[in-house]
């Protein structure tokens, strides 16, 4: 998956989170989410 596609997924997740609850994803949570997505894709390639 390309980084651009991942960003789209992340944005979708944020929108979903914002819809389901009043809590907004914090920058730290977003950072962890991005790290998780990128690290999981790296392990899939190996």
PDB file of N, CA and C in Angstrom:
ATOM      1  N   UNK A   1       0.840  -1.199   0.000  1.00  0.00           N
ATOM      2  CA  UNK A   1       0.000   0.000   0.000  1.00  0.00           C
ATOM      3  C   UNK A   1       0.878   1.253   0.000  1.00  0.00           C
ATOM      4  N   UNK A   2       0.509   2.226  -0.805  1.00  0.00           N
ATOM      5  CA  UNK A   2       1.302   3.444  -0.875  1.00  0.00           C
ATOM      6  C   UNK A   2       1.021   4.343   0.324  1.00  0.00           C
ATOM      7  N   UNK A   3       2.002   5.166   0.697  1.00  0.00           N
ATOM      8  CA  UNK A   3       1.809   6.089   1.832  1.00  0.00           C
ATOM      9  C   UNK A   3       0.571   6.970   1.633  1.00  0.00           C
ATOM     10  N   UNK A   4       0.314   7.356   0.380  1.00  0.00           N
ATOM     11  CA  UNK A   4      -0.835   8.216   0.095  1.00  0.00           C
ATOM     12  C   UNK A   4      -2.129   7.490   0.427  1.00  0.00           C
ATOM     13  N   UNK A   5      -2.189   6.209   0.062  1.00  0.00           N
ATOM     14  CA  UNK A   5      -3.367   5.402   0.350  1.00  0.00           C
ATOM     15  C   UNK A   5      -3.546   5.283   1.853  1.00  0.00           C
ATOM     16  N   UNK A   6      -2.417   5.135   2.559  1.00  0.00           N
ATOM     17  CA  UNK A   6      -2.457   5.016   4.023  1.00  0.00           C
ATOM     18  C   UNK A   6      -2.991   6.287   4.646  1.00  0.00           C
ATOM     19  N   UNK A   7      -2.556   7.430   4.137  1.00  0.00           N
ATOM     20  CA  UNK A   7      -3.034   8.695   4.681  1.00  0.00           C
ATOM     21  C   UNK A   7      -4.550   8.770   4.528  1.00  0.00           C
ATOM     22  N   UNK A   8      -5.052   8.295   3.392  1.00  0.00           N
ATOM     23  CA  UNK A   8      -6.493   8.274   3.167  1.00  0.00           C
ATOM     24  C   UNK A   8      -7.192   7.425   4.210  1.00  0.00           C
ATOM     25  N   UNK A   9      -6.586   6.277   4.505  1.00  0.00           N
ATOM     26  CA  UNK A   9      -7.160   5.383   5.512  1.00  0.00           C
ATOM     27  C   UNK A   9      -7.167   6.047   6.878  1.00  0.00           C
ATOM     28  N   UNK A  10      -6.073   6.716   7.194  1.00  0.00           N
ATOM     29  CA  UNK A  10      -5.960   7.393   8.491  1.00  0.00           C
ATOM     30  C   UNK A  10      -7.037   8.476   8.599  1.00  0.00           C
ATOM     31  N   UNK A  11      -7.200   9.244   7.521  1.00  0.00           N
ATOM     32  CA  UNK A  11      -8.213  10.300   7.534  1.00  0.00           C
ATOM     33  C   UNK A  11      -9.602   9.705   7.707  1.00  0.00           C
ATOM     34  N   UNK A  12      -9.834   8.546   7.074  1.00  0.00           N
ATOM     35  CA  UNK A  12     -11.126   7.870   7.205  1.00  0.00           C
ATOM     36  C   UNK A  12     -11.355   7.469   8.653  1.00  0.00           C
ATOM     37  N   UNK A  13     -10.290   6.932   9.278  1.00  0.00           N
ATOM     38  CA  UNK A  13     -10.384   6.507  10.673  1.00  0.00           C
ATOM     39  C   UNK A  13     -10.719   7.688  11.569  1.00  0.00           C
ATOM     40  N   UNK A  14     -10.075   8.822  11.301  1.00  0.00           N
ATOM     41  CA  UNK A  14     -10.316  10.020  12.109  1.00  0.00           C
ATOM     42  C   UNK A  14     -11.772  10.454  11.955  1.00  0.00           C
ATOM     43  N   UNK A  15     -12.264  10.452  10.710  1.00  0.00           N
ATOM     44  CA  UNK A  15     -13.647  10.858  10.470  1.00  0.00           C
ATOM     45  C   UNK A  15     -14.600   9.927  11.195  1.00  0.00           C
ATOM     46  N   UNK A  16     -14.317   8.625  11.131  1.00  0.00           N
ATOM     47  CA  UNK A  16     -15.147   7.638  11.812  1.00  0.00           C
ATOM     48  C   UNK A  16     -15.163   7.912  13.307  1.00  0.00           C
ATOM     49  N   UNK A  17     -13.975   8.141  13.865  1.00  0.00           N
ATOM     50  CA  UNK A  17     -13.858   8.394  15.306  1.00  0.00           C
ATOM     51  C   UNK A  17     -14.631   9.642  15.692  1.00  0.00           C
ATOM     52  N   UNK A  18     -14.528  10.671  14.862  1.00  0.00           N
ATOM     53  CA  UNK A  18     -15.213  11.919  15.167  1.00  0.00           C
ATOM     54  C   UNK A  18     -16.723  11.752  15.092  1.00  0.00           C
ATOM     55  N   UNK A  19     -17.182  10.837  14.214  1.00  0.00           N
ATOM     56  CA  UNK A  19     -18.623  10.601  14.084  1.00  0.00           C
ATOM     57  C   UNK A  19     -19.147   9.803  15.271  1.00  0.00           C
ATOM     58  N   UNK A  20     -18.389   8.773  15.658  1.00  0.00           N
ATOM     59  CA  UNK A  20     -18.876   7.864  16.691  1.00  0.00           C
ATOM     60  C   UNK A  20     -18.834   8.487  18.078  1.00  0.00           C
ATOM     61  N   UNK A  21     -17.942   9.435  18.286  1.00  0.00           N
ATOM     62  CA  UNK A  21     -17.843  10.041  19.607  1.00  0.00           C
ATOM     63  C   UNK A  21     -17.387  11.477  19.509  1.00  0.00           C
ATOM     64  N   UNK A  22     -17.604  12.254  20.564  1.00  0.00           N
ATOM     65  CA  UNK A  22     -17.210  13.658  20.557  1.00  0.00           C
ATOM     66  C   UNK A  22     -15.694  13.843  20.618  1.00  0.00           C
ATOM     67  N   UNK A  23     -14.997  12.761  21.031  1.00  0.00           N
ATOM     68  CA  UNK A  23     -13.552  12.914  21.187  1.00  0.00           C
ATOM     69  C   UNK A  23     -12.861  13.024  19.839  1.00  0.00           C
ATOM     70  N   UNK A  24     -11.959  13.981  19.729  1.00  0.00           N
ATOM     71  CA  UNK A  24     -11.163  14.164  18.519  1.00  0.00           C
ATOM     72  C   UNK A  24      -9.857  13.399  18.736  1.00  0.00           C
ATOM     73  N   UNK A  25      -9.359  12.819  17.656  1.00  0.00           N
ATOM     74  CA  UNK A  25      -8.095  12.092  17.774  1.00  0.00           C
ATOM     75  C   UNK A  25      -6.988  13.098  18.066  1.00  0.00           C
ATOM     76  N   UNK A  26      -6.245  12.840  19.131  1.00  0.00           N
ATOM     77  CA  UNK A  26      -5.156  13.743  19.495  1.00  0.00           C
ATOM     78  C   UNK A  26      -3.956  13.513  18.580  1.00  0.00           C
ATOM     79  N   UNK A  27      -3.103  14.530  18.430  1.00  0.00           N
ATOM     80  CA  UNK A  27      -1.913  14.380  17.586  1.00  0.00           C
ATOM     81  C   UNK A  27      -1.073  13.171  17.982  1.00  0.00           C
ATOM     82  N   UNK A  28      -1.004  12.904  19.281  1.00  0.00           N
ATOM     83  CA  UNK A  28      -0.214  11.772  19.751  1.00  0.00           C
ATOM     84  C   UNK A  28      -0.835  10.459  19.280  1.00  0.00           C
ATOM     85  N   UNK A  29      -2.153  10.354  19.401  1.00  0.00           N
ATOM     86  CA  UNK A  29      -2.849   9.151  18.941  1.00  0.00           C
ATOM     87  C   UNK A  29      -2.645   8.974  17.442  1.00  0.00           C
ATOM     88  N   UNK A  30      -2.728  10.083  16.717  1.00  0.00           N
ATOM     89  CA  UNK A  30      -2.560  10.062  15.275  1.00  0.00           C
ATOM     90  C   UNK A  30      -1.162   9.567  14.928  1.00  0.00           C
ATOM     91  N   UNK A  31      -0.174  10.064  15.666  1.00  0.00           N
ATOM     92  CA  UNK A  31       1.209   9.658  15.469  1.00  0.00           C
ATOM     93  C   UNK A  31       1.367   8.156  15.667  1.00  0.00           C
ATOM     94  N   UNK A  32       0.779   7.644  16.743  1.00  0.00           N
ATOM     95  CA  UNK A  32       0.863   6.214  17.035  1.00  0.00           C
ATOM     96  C   UNK A  32       0.166   5.398  15.959  1.00  0.00           C
ATOM     97  N   UNK A  33      -0.950   5.911  15.471  1.00  0.00           N
ATOM     98  CA  UNK A  33      -1.710   5.234  14.423  1.00  0.00           C
ATOM     99  C   UNK A  33      -0.876   5.128  13.149  1.00  0.00           C
ATOM    100  N   UNK A  34      -0.235   6.236  12.790  1.00  0.00           N
ATOM    101  CA  UNK A  34       0.608   6.259  11.591  1.00  0.00           C
ATOM    102  C   UNK A  34       1.762   5.281  11.760  1.00  0.00           C
ATOM    103  N   UNK A  35       2.389   5.301  12.947  1.00  0.00           N
ATOM    104  CA  UNK A  35       3.507   4.388  13.214  1.00  0.00           C
ATOM    105  C   UNK A  35       3.060   2.943  13.075  1.00  0.00           C
ATOM    106  N   UNK A  36       1.877   2.643  13.626  1.00  0.00           N
ATOM    107  CA  UNK A  36       1.354   1.273  13.570  1.00  0.00           C
ATOM    108  C   UNK A  36       1.133   0.847  12.129  1.00  0.00           C
ATOM    109  N   UNK A  37       0.516   1.736  11.346  1.00  0.00           N
ATOM    110  CA  UNK A  37       0.224   1.415   9.953  1.00  0.00           C
ATOM    111  C   UNK A  37       1.505   1.168   9.174  1.00  0.00           C
ATOM    112  N   UNK A  38       2.493   2.037   9.373  1.00  0.00           N
ATOM    113  CA  UNK A  38       3.725   1.895   8.619  1.00  0.00           C
ATOM    114  C   UNK A  38       4.531   0.686   9.074  1.00  0.00           C
ATOM    115  N   UNK A  39       4.560   0.425  10.371  1.00  0.00           N
ATOM    116  CA  UNK A  39       5.339  -0.717  10.860  1.00  0.00           C
ATOM    117  C   UNK A  39       4.698  -2.029  10.426  1.00  0.00           C
ATOM    118  N   UNK A  40       3.368  -2.087  10.403  1.00  0.00           N
ATOM    119  CA  UNK A  40       2.695  -3.322  10.003  1.00  0.00           C
ATOM    120  C   UNK A  40       2.918  -3.596   8.518  1.00  0.00           C
ATOM    121  N   UNK A  41       2.995  -2.544   7.716  1.00  0.00           N
ATOM    122  CA  UNK A  41       3.210  -2.748   6.287  1.00  0.00           C
ATOM    123  C   UNK A  41       4.644  -3.196   6.027  1.00  0.00           C
ATOM    124  N   UNK A  42       5.566  -2.706   6.845  1.00  0.00           N
ATOM    125  CA  UNK A  42       6.966  -3.115   6.681  1.00  0.00           C
ATOM    126  C   UNK A  42       7.119  -4.602   6.955  1.00  0.00           C
ATOM    127  N   UNK A  43       6.427  -5.098   7.980  1.00  0.00           N
ATOM    128  CA  UNK A  43       6.552  -6.514   8.322  1.00  0.00           C
ATOM    129  C   UNK A  43       5.871  -7.375   7.263  1.00  0.00           C
ATOM    130  N   UNK A  44       4.832  -6.851   6.628  1.00  0.00           N
ATOM    131  CA  UNK A  44       4.145  -7.612   5.588  1.00  0.00           C
ATOM    132  C   UNK A  44       5.028  -7.801   4.360  1.00  0.00           C
ATOM    133  N   UNK A  45       5.866  -6.807   4.082  1.00  0.00           N
ATOM    134  CA  UNK A  45       6.752  -6.876   2.918  1.00  0.00           C
ATOM    135  C   UNK A  45       7.824  -7.933   3.104  1.00  0.00           C
ATOM    136  N   UNK A  46       8.312  -8.070   4.331  1.00  0.00           N
ATOM    137  CA  UNK A  46       9.437  -8.972   4.595  1.00  0.00           C
ATOM    138  C   UNK A  46       9.063 -10.438   4.351  1.00  0.00           C
TER     139      UNK A  46
END
